[in-house]
Amino acid sequence: MGHEPLPAETRIGHVHLRVSDLDRAITFYRDLMGFDFVTRLGDEAAFLSAGGYHHHIGLNTWQSRGGEPPARGTTGLYHFAINYPTRRDLAVALKRLLDGDWSIDGASDHGTHEAIYLHDPDHNGIELAWDRDASEWPREGENLTFARRRPLDFEGLLAELEEPVSP
């Protein structure tokens, strides 16, 4: 049975997360992650975005108010990724987290992209990422190869902040 593949321009539009404390989650995604607050539905839901989109992050307490994070060994969200348009944007995101005393869980250079891993106050996994140009992605023949344990060059990444911003 054949199928028509998705168009290359297809992307994940937003992620909607169950949280235990709406105000705490808004503060994290607005103040530490840098998203713009869009709107709130009382004490039940809130929506945040980047660049005027209707929402990239949805937060709700419909079934989770006061709840605990999922126990280890259960299924669910591993992480969602936020892809930044430039390497400098990734550096700005990292600096915002460090300035806010938020710890990260790990980081890697996967060859295709650089990634920083952390979790939000409800222990939802987040990957902050910057993609290299596709022409630079490592390949073996037609297949992509991912570097799993290559360390991220934090010094080089943070040096991006010292470069002048191009217009």
C-alpha atoms as a PDB file:
ATOM      1  CA  MET A   1       0.000   0.000   0.000  1.00  0.00           C
ATOM      2  CA  GLY A   2       1.659   3.233  -1.161  1.00  0.00           C
ATOM      3  CA  HIS A   3       1.255   6.583   0.456  1.00  0.00           C
ATOM      4  CA  GLU A   4       2.047  10.151  -0.425  1.00  0.00           C
ATOM      5  CA  PRO A   5       4.854  11.512   1.769  1.00  0.00           C
ATOM      6  CA  LEU A   6       4.389  14.663   3.807  1.00  0.00           C
ATOM      7  CA  PRO A   7       5.577  17.883   2.168  1.00  0.00           C
ATOM      8  CA  ALA A   8       9.099  18.965   3.201  1.00  0.00           C
ATOM      9  CA  GLU A   9       7.637  22.181   4.659  1.00  0.00           C
ATOM     10  CA  THR A  10       5.545  20.246   7.215  1.00  0.00           C
ATOM     11  CA  ARG A  11       6.418  21.062  10.806  1.00  0.00           C
ATOM     12  CA  ILE A  12       5.149  20.548  14.317  1.00  0.00           C
ATOM     13  CA  GLY A  13       3.055  23.629  15.055  1.00  0.00           C
ATOM     14  CA  HIS A  14       2.848  23.551  18.846  1.00  0.00           C
ATOM     15  CA  VAL A  15       3.151  21.404  21.923  1.00  0.00           C
ATOM     16  CA  HIS A  16       0.455  21.339  24.611  1.00  0.00           C
ATOM     17  CA  LEU A  17       1.582  20.225  28.067  1.00  0.00           C
ATOM     18  CA  ARG A  18      -0.246  19.137  31.200  1.00  0.00           C
ATOM     19  CA  VAL A  19       1.192  21.044  34.152  1.00  0.00           C
ATOM     20  CA  SER A  20       0.509  21.028  37.875  1.00  0.00           C
ATOM     21  CA  ASP A  21       0.841  24.784  38.530  1.00  0.00           C
ATOM     22  CA  LEU A  22      -0.159  27.156  35.734  1.00  0.00           C
ATOM     23  CA  ASP A  23       1.505  30.291  37.172  1.00  0.00           C
ATOM     24  CA  ARG A  24       4.799  28.434  37.729  1.00  0.00           C
ATOM     25  CA  ALA A  25       4.724  27.045  34.180  1.00  0.00           C
ATOM     26  CA  ILE A  26       3.948  30.474  32.667  1.00  0.00           C
ATOM     27  CA  THR A  27       6.852  32.006  34.584  1.00  0.00           C
ATOM     28  CA  PHE A  28       9.228  29.300  33.325  1.00  0.00           C
ATOM     29  CA  TYR A  29       8.234  29.485  29.655  1.00  0.00           C
ATOM     30  CA  ARG A  30       7.942  33.297  29.616  1.00  0.00           C
ATOM     31  CA  ASP A  31      10.840  34.394  31.824  1.00  0.00           C
ATOM     32  CA  LEU A  32      13.399  31.590  31.462  1.00  0.00           C
ATOM     33  CA  MET A  33      12.608  30.331  27.967  1.00  0.00           C
ATOM     34  CA  GLY A  34      11.751  33.739  26.469  1.00  0.00           C
ATOM     35  CA  PHE A  35       8.340  32.999  24.939  1.00  0.00           C
ATOM     36  CA  ASP A  36       5.767  35.781  24.678  1.00  0.00           C
ATOM     37  CA  PHE A  37       2.593  35.423  26.726  1.00  0.00           C
ATOM     38  CA  VAL A  38      -0.433  35.317  24.369  1.00  0.00           C
ATOM     39  CA  THR A  39      -3.498  34.600  26.476  1.00  0.00           C
ATOM     40  CA  ARG A  40      -4.852  32.745  29.472  1.00  0.00           C
ATOM     41  CA  LEU A  41      -8.095  30.873  30.119  1.00  0.00           C
ATOM     42  CA  GLY A  42      -8.604  31.524  33.839  1.00  0.00           C
ATOM     43  CA  ASP A  43      -6.725  29.062  36.022  1.00  0.00           C
ATOM     44  CA  GLU A  44      -7.013  26.284  33.451  1.00  0.00           C
ATOM     45  CA  ALA A  45      -4.830  27.060  30.426  1.00  0.00           C
ATOM     46  CA  ALA A  46      -2.349  29.506  28.920  1.00  0.00           C
ATOM     47  CA  PHE A  47      -0.751  29.977  25.524  1.00  0.00           C
ATOM     48  CA  LEU A  48       2.693  31.378  24.687  1.00  0.00           C
ATOM     49  CA  SER A  49       4.491  31.949  21.396  1.00  0.00           C
ATOM     50  CA  ALA A  50       7.480  33.330  19.563  1.00  0.00           C
ATOM     51  CA  GLY A  51       7.232  35.954  16.858  1.00  0.00           C
ATOM     52  CA  GLY A  52       3.476  36.492  16.902  1.00  0.00           C
ATOM     53  CA  TYR A  53       2.372  32.918  16.136  1.00  0.00           C
ATOM     54  CA  HIS A  54      -0.932  32.025  17.837  1.00  0.00           C
ATOM     55  CA  HIS A  55       0.885  29.601  20.144  1.00  0.00           C
ATOM     56  CA  HIS A  56       3.920  27.377  20.234  1.00  0.00           C
ATOM     57  CA  ILE A  57       3.376  26.301  23.843  1.00  0.00           C
ATOM     58  CA  GLY A  58       0.011  25.400  25.346  1.00  0.00           C
ATOM     59  CA  LEU A  59      -0.197  24.737  29.082  1.00  0.00           C
ATOM     60  CA  ASN A  60      -3.164  23.305  30.935  1.00  0.00           C
ATOM     61  CA  THR A  61      -4.207  21.967  34.329  1.00  0.00           C
ATOM     62  CA  TRP A  62      -7.378  20.245  33.087  1.00  0.00           C
ATOM     63  CA  GLN A  63      -6.316  16.816  34.383  1.00  0.00           C
ATOM     64  CA  SER A  64      -3.101  17.627  36.182  1.00  0.00           C
ATOM     65  CA  ARG A  65      -3.550  20.449  38.727  1.00  0.00           C
ATOM     66  CA  GLY A  66      -1.310  19.668  41.707  1.00  0.00           C
ATOM     67  CA  GLY A  67      -0.205  16.441  40.019  1.00  0.00           C
ATOM     68  CA  GLU A  68       3.146  14.692  40.126  1.00  0.00           C
ATOM     69  CA  PRO A  69       5.474  14.157  37.162  1.00  0.00           C
ATOM     70  CA  PRO A  70       5.155  10.735  35.502  1.00  0.00           C
ATOM     71  CA  ALA A  71       7.079   8.000  37.274  1.00  0.00           C
ATOM     72  CA  ARG A  72      10.194   6.564  35.626  1.00  0.00           C
ATOM     73  CA  GLY A  73       9.431   3.503  33.564  1.00  0.00           C
ATOM     74  CA  THR A  74       6.141   4.879  32.217  1.00  0.00           C
ATOM     75  CA  THR A  75       5.348   6.011  28.693  1.00  0.00           C
ATOM     76  CA  GLY A  76       4.772   9.593  27.632  1.00  0.00           C
ATOM     77  CA  LEU A  77       6.668  12.582  26.345  1.00  0.00           C
ATOM     78  CA  TYR A  78      10.445  12.094  26.239  1.00  0.00           C
ATOM     79  CA  HIS A  79      11.131  15.645  25.115  1.00  0.00           C
ATOM     80  CA  PHE A  80      10.069  18.226  22.591  1.00  0.00           C
ATOM     81  CA  ALA A  81      12.555  20.351  20.658  1.00  0.00           C
ATOM     82  CA  ILE A  82      12.719  24.079  20.158  1.00  0.00           C
ATOM     83  CA  ASN A  83      14.771  24.801  17.032  1.00  0.00           C
ATOM     84  CA  TYR A  84      16.447  28.190  16.879  1.00  0.00           C
ATOM     85  CA  PRO A  85      17.171  29.835  13.518  1.00  0.00           C
ATOM     86  CA  THR A  86      20.810  30.675  14.317  1.00  0.00           C
ATOM     87  CA  ARG A  87      23.544  29.303  16.531  1.00  0.00           C
ATOM     88  CA  ARG A  88      23.649  32.677  18.279  1.00  0.00           C
ATOM     89  CA  ASP A  89      19.945  32.303  19.164  1.00  0.00           C
ATOM     90  CA  LEU A  90      20.780  28.983  20.843  1.00  0.00           C
ATOM     91  CA  ALA A  91      23.556  30.738  22.791  1.00  0.00           C
ATOM     92  CA  VAL A  92      21.122  33.453  23.916  1.00  0.00           C
ATOM     93  CA  ALA A  93      18.703  30.755  25.134  1.00  0.00           C
ATOM     94  CA  LEU A  94      21.462  28.999  27.076  1.00  0.00           C
ATOM     95  CA  LYS A  95      22.636  32.253  28.657  1.00  0.00           C
ATOM     96  CA  ARG A  96      19.061  33.144  29.699  1.00  0.00           C
ATOM     97  CA  LEU A  97      18.776  29.790  31.479  1.00  0.00           C
ATOM     98  CA  LEU A  98      22.175  30.122  33.160  1.00  0.00           C
ATOM     99  CA  ASP A  99      21.402  33.695  34.249  1.00  0.00           C
ATOM    100  CA  GLY A 100      18.130  32.386  35.720  1.00  0.00           C
ATOM    101  CA  ASP A 101      20.019  29.657  37.650  1.00  0.00           C
ATOM    102  CA  TRP A 102      18.179  26.899  35.751  1.00  0.00           C
ATOM    103  CA  SER A 103      20.260  23.750  35.368  1.00  0.00           C
ATOM    104  CA  ILE A 104      20.584  21.726  32.196  1.00  0.00           C
ATOM    105  CA  ASP A 105      20.511  17.941  32.058  1.00  0.00           C
ATOM    106  CA  GLY A 106      22.994  17.451  29.220  1.00  0.00           C
ATOM    107  CA  ALA A 107      24.204  18.589  25.828  1.00  0.00           C
ATOM    108  CA  SER A 108      25.490  17.010  22.613  1.00  0.00           C
ATOM    109  CA  ASP A 109      26.706  17.834  19.161  1.00  0.00           C
ATOM    110  CA  HIS A 110      24.836  15.322  17.001  1.00  0.00           C
ATOM    111  CA  GLY A 111      26.536  16.353  13.750  1.00  0.00           C
ATOM    112  CA  THR A 112      23.203  17.357  12.232  1.00  0.00           C
ATOM    113  CA  HIS A 113      22.493  19.745  15.086  1.00  0.00           C
ATOM    114  CA  GLU A 114      23.667  20.990  18.458  1.00  0.00           C
ATOM    115  CA  ALA A 115      21.406  20.190  21.385  1.00  0.00           C
ATOM    116  CA  ILE A 116      20.975  21.238  25.013  1.00  0.00           C
ATOM    117  CA  TYR A 117      18.665  19.178  27.202  1.00  0.00           C
ATOM    118  CA  LEU A 118      16.703  20.322  30.250  1.00  0.00           C
ATOM    119  CA  HIS A 119      13.334  19.871  31.864  1.00  0.00           C
ATOM    120  CA  ASP A 120      10.601  22.284  32.894  1.00  0.00           C
ATOM    121  CA  PRO A 121       9.205  22.540  36.446  1.00  0.00           C
ATOM    122  CA  ASP A 122       6.846  19.610  35.712  1.00  0.00           C
ATOM    123  CA  HIS A 123       9.754  17.503  34.408  1.00  0.00           C
ATOM    124  CA  ASN A 124       8.698  17.685  30.767  1.00  0.00           C
ATOM    125  CA  GLY A 125      11.826  17.140  28.693  1.00  0.00           C
ATOM    126  CA  ILE A 126      12.981  19.963  26.424  1.00  0.00           C
ATOM    127  CA  GLU A 127      15.689  20.021  23.759  1.00  0.00           C
ATOM    128  CA  LEU A 128      17.028  23.387  22.646  1.00  0.00           C
ATOM    129  CA  ALA A 129      18.547  22.928  19.204  1.00  0.00           C
ATOM    130  CA  TRP A 130      20.244  24.627  16.286  1.00  0.00           C
ATOM    131  CA  ASP A 131      20.379  22.740  12.971  1.00  0.00           C
ATOM    132  CA  ARG A 132      23.406  22.887  10.744  1.00  0.00           C
ATOM    133  CA  ASP A 133      22.748  23.370   7.059  1.00  0.00           C
ATOM    134  CA  ALA A 134      21.626  20.062   5.537  1.00  0.00           C
ATOM    135  CA  SER A 135      24.680  20.065   3.249  1.00  0.00           C
ATOM    136  CA  GLU A 136      26.849  19.634   6.380  1.00  0.00           C
ATOM    137  CA  TRP A 137      24.924  16.699   7.866  1.00  0.00           C
ATOM    138  CA  PRO A 138      27.072  13.578   8.246  1.00  0.00           C
ATOM    139  CA  ARG A 139      26.045  10.730   5.959  1.00  0.00           C
ATOM    140  CA  GLU A 140      27.005   7.197   5.080  1.00  0.00           C
ATOM    141  CA  GLY A 141      25.787   6.866   1.548  1.00  0.00           C
ATOM    142  CA  GLU A 142      22.181   8.089   1.519  1.00  0.00           C
ATOM    143  CA  ASN A 143      21.651   7.579   5.274  1.00  0.00           C
ATOM    144  CA  LEU A 144      22.146  10.201   7.953  1.00  0.00           C
ATOM    145  CA  THR A 145      24.508   9.312  10.760  1.00  0.00           C
ATOM    146  CA  PHE A 146      23.980  10.804  14.200  1.00  0.00           C
ATOM    147  CA  ALA A 147      26.808  11.402  16.625  1.00  0.00           C
ATOM    148  CA  ARG A 148      25.370  10.295  19.957  1.00  0.00           C
ATOM    149  CA  ARG A 149      28.055  11.216  22.431  1.00  0.00           C
ATOM    150  CA  ARG A 150      29.984  14.066  20.855  1.00  0.00           C
ATOM    151  CA  PRO A 151      30.305  16.833  23.458  1.00  0.00           C
ATOM    152  CA  LEU A 152      28.837  20.224  22.761  1.00  0.00           C
ATOM    153  CA  ASP A 153      31.381  23.035  22.369  1.00  0.00           C
ATOM    154  CA  PHE A 154      29.992  25.321  25.096  1.00  0.00           C
ATOM    155  CA  GLU A 155      32.888  27.759  24.781  1.00  0.00           C
ATOM    156  CA  GLY A 156      32.362  28.128  21.037  1.00  0.00           C
ATOM    157  CA  LEU A 157      28.606  28.398  21.485  1.00  0.00           C
ATOM    158  CA  LEU A 158      28.814  31.150  24.103  1.00  0.00           C
ATOM    159  CA  ALA A 159      31.431  32.962  21.983  1.00  0.00           C
ATOM    160  CA  GLU A 160      28.581  33.551  19.512  1.00  0.00           C
ATOM    161  CA  LEU A 161      27.317  36.182  21.978  1.00  0.00           C
ATOM    162  CA  GLU A 162      30.494  38.209  21.461  1.00  0.00           C
ATOM    163  CA  GLU A 163      29.948  38.394  17.688  1.00  0.00           C
ATOM    164  CA  PRO A 164      28.096  41.475  16.389  1.00  0.00           C
ATOM    165  CA  VAL A 165      24.524  40.756  15.325  1.00  0.00           C
ATOM    166  CA  SER A 166      24.133  41.025  11.570  1.00  0.00           C
ATOM    167  CA  PRO A 167      21.242  43.193  10.309  1.00  0.00           C
END
